[in-house]
């Protein structure tokens, strides 16, 4: 009556909403993390796949996406032109 009452619809959360909240939390933690640069002062290469495999338990959902994207080979030629 006073405007403080909430309906049952507002209190219920769908599984999709919970998943989106979990992803948002993982992305925010990842953005706040101090992860190693690809090229350090010693000119040593820090492989992002190694970093993600070491941190997969911290970011289980975005890790799956990162692995799928990072395994795409980089090329400037279409595949048909190679053969």
C-alpha atoms as a PDB file:
ATOM      1  CA  UNK A   1       0.000   0.000   0.000  1.00  0.00           C
ATOM      2  CA  UNK A   2       2.827   2.408   0.774  1.00  0.00           C
ATOM      3  CA  UNK A   3       4.794   1.530  -2.338  1.00  0.00           C
ATOM      4  CA  UNK A   4       7.286  -0.651  -0.453  1.00  0.00           C
ATOM      5  CA  UNK A   5       5.573  -3.904  -1.340  1.00  0.00           C
ATOM      6  CA  UNK A   6       7.130  -5.886  -4.165  1.00  0.00           C
ATOM      7  CA  UNK A   7       5.287  -8.311  -6.348  1.00  0.00           C
ATOM      8  CA  UNK A   8       6.223 -11.956  -6.606  1.00  0.00           C
ATOM      9  CA  UNK A   9       7.408 -11.393 -10.211  1.00  0.00           C
ATOM     10  CA  UNK A  10      10.028  -8.847  -9.134  1.00  0.00           C
ATOM     11  CA  UNK A  11      11.469 -11.191  -6.498  1.00  0.00           C
ATOM     12  CA  UNK A  12      11.789 -14.247  -8.728  1.00  0.00           C
ATOM     13  CA  UNK A  13      14.935 -14.538 -10.762  1.00  0.00           C
ATOM     14  CA  UNK A  14      15.144 -16.660 -13.881  1.00  0.00           C
ATOM     15  CA  UNK A  15      18.127 -18.937 -14.508  1.00  0.00           C
ATOM     16  CA  UNK A  16      19.090 -16.660 -17.392  1.00  0.00           C
ATOM     17  CA  UNK A  17      19.172 -13.651 -15.071  1.00  0.00           C
ATOM     18  CA  UNK A  18      21.386 -15.510 -12.607  1.00  0.00           C
ATOM     19  CA  UNK A  19      23.725 -16.547 -15.435  1.00  0.00           C
ATOM     20  CA  UNK A  20      23.986 -12.968 -16.720  1.00  0.00           C
ATOM     21  CA  UNK A  21      24.740 -11.727 -13.192  1.00  0.00           C
ATOM     22  CA  UNK A  22      27.464 -14.373 -12.813  1.00  0.00           C
ATOM     23  CA  UNK A  23      29.026 -13.407 -16.157  1.00  0.00           C
ATOM     24  CA  UNK A  24      28.918  -9.712 -15.241  1.00  0.00           C
ATOM     25  CA  UNK A  25      30.651 -10.445 -11.934  1.00  0.00           C
ATOM     26  CA  UNK A  26      33.372 -12.475 -13.677  1.00  0.00           C
ATOM     27  CA  UNK A  27      33.968  -9.724 -16.252  1.00  0.00           C
ATOM     28  CA  UNK A  28      34.246  -7.081 -13.540  1.00  0.00           C
ATOM     29  CA  UNK A  29      36.735  -9.245 -11.580  1.00  0.00           C
ATOM     30  CA  UNK A  30      38.729  -9.824 -14.777  1.00  0.00           C
ATOM     31  CA  UNK A  31      38.852  -6.094 -15.564  1.00  0.00           C
ATOM     32  CA  UNK A  32      40.115  -5.374 -12.040  1.00  0.00           C
ATOM     33  CA  UNK A  33      42.807  -8.094 -12.251  1.00  0.00           C
ATOM     34  CA  UNK A  34      46.426  -7.184 -12.916  1.00  0.00           C
ATOM     35  CA  UNK A  35      47.259  -9.738 -15.562  1.00  0.00           C
ATOM     36  CA  UNK A  36      50.660  -9.952 -17.297  1.00  0.00           C
ATOM     37  CA  UNK A  37      51.275  -8.040 -20.477  1.00  0.00           C
ATOM     38  CA  UNK A  38      51.956  -9.952 -23.680  1.00  0.00           C
ATOM     39  CA  UNK A  39      55.461  -8.563 -23.882  1.00  0.00           C
ATOM     40  CA  UNK A  40      57.391  -7.815 -20.690  1.00  0.00           C
ATOM     41  CA  UNK A  41      60.506  -5.697 -20.246  1.00  0.00           C
ATOM     42  CA  UNK A  42      62.622  -8.814 -20.646  1.00  0.00           C
ATOM     43  CA  UNK A  43      61.035  -9.440 -24.067  1.00  0.00           C
ATOM     44  CA  UNK A  44      59.589 -12.704 -22.770  1.00  0.00           C
ATOM     45  CA  UNK A  45      56.295 -13.675 -24.401  1.00  0.00           C
ATOM     46  CA  UNK A  46      53.432 -14.311 -21.982  1.00  0.00           C
ATOM     47  CA  UNK A  47      51.019 -16.661 -23.724  1.00  0.00           C
ATOM     48  CA  UNK A  48      47.396 -15.708 -23.054  1.00  0.00           C
ATOM     49  CA  UNK A  49      46.324 -19.361 -23.332  1.00  0.00           C
ATOM     50  CA  UNK A  50      48.644 -20.255 -20.463  1.00  0.00           C
ATOM     51  CA  UNK A  51      47.267 -17.377 -18.375  1.00  0.00           C
ATOM     52  CA  UNK A  52      43.694 -18.468 -19.059  1.00  0.00           C
ATOM     53  CA  UNK A  53      44.424 -22.119 -18.267  1.00  0.00           C
ATOM     54  CA  UNK A  54      45.953 -21.061 -14.930  1.00  0.00           C
ATOM     55  CA  UNK A  55      42.987 -18.797 -14.136  1.00  0.00           C
ATOM     56  CA  UNK A  56      40.142 -20.922 -15.520  1.00  0.00           C
ATOM     57  CA  UNK A  57      38.749 -21.631 -12.059  1.00  0.00           C
ATOM     58  CA  UNK A  58      38.522 -17.898 -11.301  1.00  0.00           C
ATOM     59  CA  UNK A  59      36.573 -17.150 -14.484  1.00  0.00           C
ATOM     60  CA  UNK A  60      34.887 -20.422 -15.527  1.00  0.00           C
ATOM     61  CA  UNK A  61      32.344 -18.942 -17.923  1.00  0.00           C
ATOM     62  CA  UNK A  62      34.427 -16.329 -19.721  1.00  0.00           C
ATOM     63  CA  UNK A  63      37.321 -18.819 -19.837  1.00  0.00           C
ATOM     64  CA  UNK A  64      35.261 -20.954 -22.228  1.00  0.00           C
ATOM     65  CA  UNK A  65      34.793 -17.974 -24.513  1.00  0.00           C
ATOM     66  CA  UNK A  66      38.435 -16.906 -24.300  1.00  0.00           C
ATOM     67  CA  UNK A  67      39.684 -20.364 -25.252  1.00  0.00           C
ATOM     68  CA  UNK A  68      37.356 -20.501 -28.259  1.00  0.00           C
ATOM     69  CA  UNK A  69      38.492 -17.090 -29.469  1.00  0.00           C
ATOM     70  CA  UNK A  70      42.208 -17.505 -28.752  1.00  0.00           C
ATOM     71  CA  UNK A  71      42.394 -20.791 -30.660  1.00  0.00           C
ATOM     72  CA  UNK A  72      41.370 -19.108 -33.923  1.00  0.00           C
ATOM     73  CA  UNK A  73      44.469 -18.953 -36.138  1.00  0.00           C
ATOM     74  CA  UNK A  74      45.382 -15.502 -37.369  1.00  0.00           C
ATOM     75  CA  UNK A  75      45.748 -15.143 -41.116  1.00  0.00           C
ATOM     76  CA  UNK A  76      45.539 -12.378 -43.669  1.00  0.00           C
ATOM     77  CA  UNK A  77      44.709 -14.688 -46.601  1.00  0.00           C
ATOM     78  CA  UNK A  78      41.433 -16.503 -47.152  1.00  0.00           C
ATOM     79  CA  UNK A  79      41.756 -20.263 -46.688  1.00  0.00           C
ATOM     80  CA  UNK A  80      40.962 -20.988 -50.362  1.00  0.00           C
ATOM     81  CA  UNK A  81      43.964 -18.968 -51.561  1.00  0.00           C
ATOM     82  CA  UNK A  82      46.426 -20.990 -49.499  1.00  0.00           C
ATOM     83  CA  UNK A  83      45.869 -24.122 -51.573  1.00  0.00           C
END
